[in-house]
């Protein structure tokens, strides 16, 4: 399987990874400009961006890039002078190999887009699907409870205005979904939650009335208020952010 095919496979599986590319190399080193690899959250390296001496440094920097979701230029330099141009903001580590050699490797993390699962065949649900597409979010639309599996959804919004809402909430809670929105009035929403006998922590994960209080009236406006609350949870509350603690990432 080629590297590009592996990247496509990981994207389809919504698996976070880092794409590493050697952009500069100085002998003696076994890597060359253009060499590439994929690094997974468990520390696995697929491809080649340097020998054993560089791998631990590349692995550690790649996992750091996954944690913060930002690209980084890693400079693996010998303990001494090397004629590489300055690169402000780069991460610099010392090459532990006695043979020396210097590398610059660009590490670009790829995180899966937020996945929003929407239940219901209503105008609000329709508007939410359209907004998710504009935002670049993945959306999974369910018009019936059959086969409903929250899986690794970032957010689940129940916009059916009736039906098995309590069951959908319970399923999303059990799946560990961080944001669960129920489109319902204050009284009806509270009644549904009361009937589930939720713990305080579980109840805090269910938003009803759902959405930010912006005075929304139309289905499109309500969809905007809901997606604004989801965005706030992602960008401010860390919703959907994974914590990577792979074994062996520090070389032990």
Foldseek 3Di string as FASTA:
>chain_A
DDPVVVVVVCQVVQFKKKKKFWCDKDPPWPADGGWIWIAHLQGDIGTDDTDPQCSLVVLLVLNVCLQVVDKAKEKAFAPDDDPDDDDPRHHYDYRPDPRTMMTIMIIHIDGHAAEEEEEADDLLSVLLVVVCVVVVHHYHYHDDCVPDACALHLEYEYDHADDPPLVNLVRCVVNVHQAYEYCDAPVVVVVSVVVNVDDPVSVVRYDPVAFDPPVDDDSNSSSVRRVVVSVCCVPPVVRSRDNRDHPCSNPD
